N, C-alpha and C. Protein backbone atom coordinates (compact mmCIF):
# COMPACT_ATOMS: atom_id res chain seq x y z
N MET A 1 10.04 -3.36 65.46
CA MET A 1 9.73 -4.32 64.43
C MET A 1 9.68 -3.66 63.05
N LYS A 2 9.07 -2.46 62.97
CA LYS A 2 9.01 -1.75 61.70
C LYS A 2 10.42 -1.42 61.20
N LEU A 3 11.29 -1.07 62.14
CA LEU A 3 12.66 -0.73 61.78
C LEU A 3 13.39 -1.93 61.17
N ILE A 4 13.18 -3.09 61.73
CA ILE A 4 13.82 -4.30 61.22
C ILE A 4 13.30 -4.64 59.82
N ILE A 5 12.00 -4.53 59.64
CA ILE A 5 11.40 -4.81 58.34
C ILE A 5 11.89 -3.79 57.31
N THR A 6 11.90 -2.53 57.68
CA THR A 6 12.36 -1.47 56.78
C THR A 6 13.82 -1.69 56.40
N PHE A 7 14.66 -1.99 57.40
CA PHE A 7 16.07 -2.25 57.15
C PHE A 7 16.23 -3.46 56.22
N GLY A 8 15.46 -4.49 56.45
CA GLY A 8 15.51 -5.69 55.62
C GLY A 8 15.13 -5.40 54.18
N LEU A 9 14.07 -4.60 53.98
CA LEU A 9 13.64 -4.24 52.63
C LEU A 9 14.69 -3.40 51.91
N VAL A 10 15.28 -2.45 52.62
CA VAL A 10 16.32 -1.60 52.03
C VAL A 10 17.53 -2.46 51.66
N PHE A 11 17.93 -3.33 52.56
CA PHE A 11 19.07 -4.21 52.30
C PHE A 11 18.80 -5.11 51.10
N PHE A 12 17.59 -5.67 51.02
CA PHE A 12 17.22 -6.52 49.90
C PHE A 12 17.24 -5.74 48.59
N ALA A 13 16.71 -4.51 48.62
CA ALA A 13 16.67 -3.69 47.41
C ALA A 13 18.09 -3.39 46.92
N LEU A 14 18.99 -3.08 47.82
CA LEU A 14 20.37 -2.82 47.44
C LEU A 14 21.03 -4.08 46.89
N PHE A 15 20.82 -5.19 47.57
CA PHE A 15 21.41 -6.46 47.15
C PHE A 15 20.86 -6.88 45.79
N ALA A 16 19.56 -6.76 45.61
CA ALA A 16 18.92 -7.16 44.36
C ALA A 16 19.41 -6.29 43.21
N ASN A 17 19.66 -5.01 43.46
CA ASN A 17 20.13 -4.11 42.43
C ASN A 17 21.55 -4.45 41.99
N VAL A 18 22.38 -4.87 42.92
CA VAL A 18 23.77 -5.19 42.62
C VAL A 18 23.89 -6.55 41.92
N THR A 19 23.11 -7.51 42.35
CA THR A 19 23.22 -8.86 41.80
C THR A 19 21.98 -9.24 41.00
N ALA A 20 21.47 -8.33 40.24
CA ALA A 20 20.24 -8.58 39.50
C ALA A 20 20.43 -9.54 38.34
N GLY A 21 21.63 -9.94 38.07
CA GLY A 21 21.85 -10.91 37.02
C GLY A 21 22.98 -10.51 36.09
N ASP A 22 23.23 -11.39 35.17
CA ASP A 22 24.30 -11.19 34.20
C ASP A 22 23.72 -11.41 32.82
N SER A 23 24.34 -10.79 31.84
CA SER A 23 23.93 -11.02 30.46
C SER A 23 25.16 -11.00 29.57
N LYS A 24 25.08 -11.74 28.50
CA LYS A 24 26.12 -11.75 27.48
C LYS A 24 25.42 -11.62 26.13
N ASN A 25 26.04 -10.86 25.24
CA ASN A 25 25.49 -10.60 23.92
C ASN A 25 26.32 -11.24 22.83
N CYS A 26 25.65 -11.61 21.77
CA CYS A 26 26.31 -12.07 20.56
C CYS A 26 26.26 -10.91 19.56
N PHE A 27 27.42 -10.37 19.24
CA PHE A 27 27.52 -9.26 18.29
C PHE A 27 27.92 -9.80 16.93
N CYS A 28 27.37 -9.20 15.89
CA CYS A 28 27.59 -9.71 14.54
C CYS A 28 27.92 -8.57 13.59
N LYS A 29 28.90 -8.83 12.72
CA LYS A 29 29.30 -7.85 11.71
C LYS A 29 29.48 -8.57 10.37
N VAL A 30 29.39 -7.81 9.31
CA VAL A 30 29.63 -8.32 7.96
C VAL A 30 31.02 -7.85 7.56
N ALA A 31 31.81 -8.79 7.02
CA ALA A 31 33.19 -8.47 6.61
C ALA A 31 33.43 -8.95 5.19
N LEU A 32 34.41 -8.34 4.55
CA LEU A 32 34.83 -8.82 3.24
C LEU A 32 35.58 -10.12 3.41
N ALA A 33 35.30 -11.08 2.55
CA ALA A 33 35.86 -12.43 2.71
C ALA A 33 37.38 -12.45 2.67
N GLY A 34 38.00 -11.80 1.71
CA GLY A 34 39.45 -11.87 1.58
C GLY A 34 40.19 -11.00 2.58
N GLU A 35 39.78 -9.75 2.66
CA GLU A 35 40.47 -8.77 3.51
C GLU A 35 40.08 -8.88 4.98
N LYS A 36 38.90 -9.43 5.22
CA LYS A 36 38.32 -9.49 6.56
C LYS A 36 38.16 -8.10 7.17
N ARG A 37 37.82 -7.15 6.28
CA ARG A 37 37.55 -5.78 6.72
C ARG A 37 36.05 -5.65 6.96
N ILE A 38 35.68 -5.10 8.11
CA ILE A 38 34.27 -4.95 8.49
C ILE A 38 33.61 -3.90 7.60
N ILE A 39 32.45 -4.25 7.03
CA ILE A 39 31.74 -3.29 6.18
C ILE A 39 30.35 -2.93 6.73
N GLN A 40 29.83 -3.75 7.66
CA GLN A 40 28.50 -3.46 8.23
C GLN A 40 28.41 -4.06 9.63
N ASP A 41 27.91 -3.27 10.56
CA ASP A 41 27.71 -3.75 11.93
C ASP A 41 26.23 -4.07 12.11
N LEU A 42 25.94 -5.31 12.43
CA LEU A 42 24.55 -5.73 12.64
C LEU A 42 24.13 -5.64 14.11
N GLY A 43 25.07 -5.29 14.98
CA GLY A 43 24.76 -5.11 16.40
C GLY A 43 24.60 -6.43 17.13
N SER A 44 23.88 -6.36 18.24
CA SER A 44 23.63 -7.56 19.05
C SER A 44 22.47 -8.34 18.44
N ILE A 45 22.72 -9.61 18.14
CA ILE A 45 21.69 -10.43 17.51
C ILE A 45 21.13 -11.48 18.46
N ASP A 46 21.75 -11.61 19.64
CA ASP A 46 21.26 -12.55 20.64
C ASP A 46 21.76 -12.11 22.00
N ARG A 47 20.95 -12.41 23.02
CA ARG A 47 21.32 -12.05 24.39
C ARG A 47 20.95 -13.21 25.31
N GLN A 48 21.90 -13.63 26.09
CA GLN A 48 21.68 -14.69 27.08
C GLN A 48 21.75 -14.06 28.46
N THR A 49 20.80 -14.39 29.33
CA THR A 49 20.78 -13.85 30.68
C THR A 49 20.69 -14.98 31.69
N ASN A 50 21.15 -14.67 32.88
CA ASN A 50 21.08 -15.62 33.98
C ASN A 50 21.10 -14.83 35.28
N TRP A 51 20.59 -15.41 36.34
CA TRP A 51 20.49 -14.70 37.62
C TRP A 51 21.87 -14.32 38.15
N LEU A 52 22.83 -15.24 38.12
CA LEU A 52 24.15 -14.94 38.67
C LEU A 52 25.18 -14.64 37.58
N SER A 53 25.45 -15.60 36.75
CA SER A 53 26.47 -15.43 35.73
C SER A 53 26.10 -16.27 34.51
N VAL A 54 26.39 -15.75 33.33
CA VAL A 54 26.12 -16.48 32.10
C VAL A 54 27.41 -17.19 31.70
N PRO A 55 27.41 -18.52 31.66
CA PRO A 55 28.62 -19.23 31.24
C PRO A 55 28.82 -19.10 29.73
N CYS A 56 30.06 -19.15 29.31
CA CYS A 56 30.37 -19.06 27.88
C CYS A 56 29.75 -20.20 27.09
N SER A 57 29.48 -21.31 27.75
CA SER A 57 28.87 -22.45 27.06
C SER A 57 27.48 -22.09 26.50
N ARG A 58 26.85 -21.06 27.05
CA ARG A 58 25.54 -20.63 26.54
C ARG A 58 25.66 -19.80 25.27
N MET A 59 26.92 -19.47 24.89
CA MET A 59 27.14 -18.62 23.72
C MET A 59 27.61 -19.42 22.49
N VAL A 60 27.57 -20.73 22.57
CA VAL A 60 28.12 -21.56 21.49
C VAL A 60 27.36 -21.41 20.17
N ASN A 61 26.15 -20.94 20.20
CA ASN A 61 25.36 -20.78 18.98
C ASN A 61 25.59 -19.44 18.29
N CYS A 62 26.41 -18.58 18.89
CA CYS A 62 26.66 -17.26 18.33
C CYS A 62 27.16 -17.30 16.89
N PRO A 63 28.15 -18.13 16.53
CA PRO A 63 28.59 -18.16 15.13
C PRO A 63 27.49 -18.55 14.15
N ASN A 64 26.65 -19.51 14.52
CA ASN A 64 25.55 -19.93 13.64
C ASN A 64 24.51 -18.83 13.48
N LEU A 65 24.19 -18.16 14.59
CA LEU A 65 23.21 -17.07 14.53
C LEU A 65 23.74 -15.92 13.68
N CYS A 66 25.02 -15.63 13.81
CA CYS A 66 25.62 -14.55 13.04
C CYS A 66 25.67 -14.91 11.56
N ASP A 67 26.00 -16.14 11.25
CA ASP A 67 26.02 -16.59 9.87
C ASP A 67 24.65 -16.40 9.23
N GLN A 68 23.61 -16.75 9.96
CA GLN A 68 22.24 -16.59 9.45
C GLN A 68 21.88 -15.11 9.31
N ALA A 69 22.29 -14.29 10.28
CA ALA A 69 21.99 -12.86 10.23
C ALA A 69 22.66 -12.19 9.04
N VAL A 70 23.90 -12.59 8.75
CA VAL A 70 24.61 -12.02 7.60
C VAL A 70 23.94 -12.45 6.30
N LYS A 71 23.51 -13.69 6.23
CA LYS A 71 22.81 -14.17 5.03
C LYS A 71 21.51 -13.39 4.82
N VAL A 72 20.73 -13.22 5.88
CA VAL A 72 19.48 -12.46 5.78
C VAL A 72 19.75 -11.02 5.37
N TRP A 73 20.77 -10.41 5.98
CA TRP A 73 21.10 -9.02 5.64
C TRP A 73 21.54 -8.91 4.18
N SER A 74 22.39 -9.83 3.74
CA SER A 74 22.89 -9.75 2.35
C SER A 74 21.77 -9.97 1.34
N CYS A 75 20.75 -10.72 1.71
CA CYS A 75 19.61 -10.95 0.81
C CYS A 75 18.63 -9.78 0.84
N ASN A 76 18.33 -9.28 2.03
CA ASN A 76 17.35 -8.20 2.17
C ASN A 76 17.91 -6.84 1.80
N ASN A 77 19.22 -6.71 1.77
CA ASN A 77 19.87 -5.43 1.47
C ASN A 77 20.88 -5.61 0.35
N LYS A 78 20.44 -6.25 -0.72
CA LYS A 78 21.35 -6.61 -1.82
C LYS A 78 22.09 -5.40 -2.37
N ASP A 79 21.39 -4.30 -2.59
CA ASP A 79 22.04 -3.11 -3.16
C ASP A 79 23.10 -2.54 -2.22
N ASP A 80 22.75 -2.41 -0.94
CA ASP A 80 23.72 -1.91 0.05
C ASP A 80 24.90 -2.87 0.17
N CYS A 81 24.60 -4.15 0.18
CA CYS A 81 25.64 -5.17 0.31
C CYS A 81 26.62 -5.09 -0.86
N ASN A 82 26.09 -5.02 -2.08
CA ASN A 82 26.96 -4.91 -3.25
C ASN A 82 27.74 -3.61 -3.27
N SER A 83 27.11 -2.53 -2.83
CA SER A 83 27.78 -1.24 -2.79
C SER A 83 28.94 -1.25 -1.78
N LEU A 84 28.69 -1.79 -0.59
CA LEU A 84 29.73 -1.82 0.45
C LEU A 84 30.84 -2.81 0.15
N SER A 85 30.49 -3.89 -0.53
CA SER A 85 31.49 -4.94 -0.79
C SER A 85 32.14 -4.80 -2.16
N ASN A 86 31.65 -3.88 -2.99
CA ASN A 86 32.14 -3.73 -4.37
C ASN A 86 32.06 -5.05 -5.14
N GLY A 87 31.01 -5.80 -4.88
CA GLY A 87 30.78 -7.05 -5.58
C GLY A 87 31.58 -8.24 -5.06
N LYS A 88 32.39 -8.03 -4.02
CA LYS A 88 33.18 -9.12 -3.45
C LYS A 88 32.31 -9.96 -2.52
N LYS A 89 32.78 -11.16 -2.23
CA LYS A 89 32.05 -12.01 -1.30
C LYS A 89 32.22 -11.51 0.13
N VAL A 90 31.22 -11.83 0.97
CA VAL A 90 31.24 -11.41 2.37
C VAL A 90 31.20 -12.63 3.28
N ILE A 91 31.67 -12.43 4.51
CA ILE A 91 31.62 -13.44 5.56
C ILE A 91 31.16 -12.76 6.83
N GLN A 92 30.89 -13.55 7.83
CA GLN A 92 30.47 -13.00 9.11
C GLN A 92 31.64 -12.87 10.08
N HIS A 93 31.53 -11.90 10.96
CA HIS A 93 32.45 -11.78 12.10
C HIS A 93 31.56 -11.73 13.34
N TYR A 94 31.80 -12.64 14.26
CA TYR A 94 30.99 -12.71 15.48
C TYR A 94 31.87 -12.44 16.70
N LYS A 95 31.22 -11.93 17.72
CA LYS A 95 31.88 -11.76 19.02
C LYS A 95 30.88 -12.18 20.08
N ALA A 96 31.19 -13.26 20.76
CA ALA A 96 30.32 -13.78 21.81
C ALA A 96 30.75 -13.17 23.14
N SER A 97 30.36 -11.93 23.35
CA SER A 97 30.66 -11.18 24.57
C SER A 97 32.15 -11.26 24.87
N VAL A 98 32.51 -11.66 26.09
CA VAL A 98 33.91 -11.76 26.47
C VAL A 98 34.44 -13.18 26.27
N CYS A 99 33.63 -14.04 25.67
CA CYS A 99 33.98 -15.46 25.55
C CYS A 99 34.94 -15.74 24.39
N TYR A 100 34.53 -15.38 23.19
CA TYR A 100 35.37 -15.65 22.03
C TYR A 100 34.82 -14.87 20.84
N GLU A 101 35.63 -14.78 19.80
CA GLU A 101 35.21 -14.11 18.57
C GLU A 101 35.96 -14.71 17.40
N GLY A 102 35.45 -14.45 16.20
CA GLY A 102 36.12 -14.97 15.03
C GLY A 102 35.37 -14.66 13.74
N PHE A 103 35.97 -15.07 12.64
CA PHE A 103 35.36 -14.91 11.33
C PHE A 103 34.77 -16.24 10.90
N GLY A 104 33.72 -16.16 10.11
CA GLY A 104 33.11 -17.37 9.58
C GLY A 104 33.91 -17.93 8.42
N HIS A 105 33.49 -19.07 7.94
CA HIS A 105 34.17 -19.72 6.83
C HIS A 105 33.30 -19.75 5.57
N ASP A 106 32.00 -19.52 5.73
CA ASP A 106 31.08 -19.58 4.60
C ASP A 106 31.02 -18.24 3.90
N GLU A 107 31.68 -18.15 2.75
CA GLU A 107 31.63 -16.92 1.96
C GLU A 107 30.32 -16.90 1.20
N MET A 108 29.74 -15.71 1.10
CA MET A 108 28.49 -15.58 0.37
C MET A 108 28.52 -14.35 -0.52
N THR A 109 27.79 -14.45 -1.62
CA THR A 109 27.64 -13.35 -2.55
C THR A 109 26.34 -12.65 -2.25
N CYS A 110 26.36 -11.33 -2.24
CA CYS A 110 25.17 -10.55 -1.90
C CYS A 110 23.99 -10.90 -2.81
N GLY A 111 22.88 -11.24 -2.21
CA GLY A 111 21.65 -11.50 -2.93
C GLY A 111 21.57 -12.83 -3.64
N VAL A 112 22.53 -13.73 -3.42
CA VAL A 112 22.53 -15.03 -4.09
C VAL A 112 22.17 -16.13 -3.06
N ASN A 113 21.42 -17.12 -3.51
CA ASN A 113 20.97 -18.23 -2.67
C ASN A 113 20.11 -17.76 -1.50
N CYS A 114 19.22 -16.87 -1.81
CA CYS A 114 18.36 -16.31 -0.74
C CYS A 114 17.11 -17.14 -0.56
């Protein structure tokens, strides 16, 4: 009986370790509006997790979150933002894990409308 329980616990531990869940991240970067050249990496700004698999439909808010993160960064880091952008407008670049990625449409000036 002990052997069966021990085997069951070991099997469960192995299974739980392999299928402990899935996660997808929303990555965000700051880019120059015209050139779309990346000037600052903001890293992962959101993470979605699920027991089995995270569907891409859970990542639909990634562009909005990235847009907000770029706005906050450009306001809180006005000097760095102006230095990296040479006074040009910036936009966001988001990547929703393996689901999709793209550039934003809302151009912003560093430190304006904060």
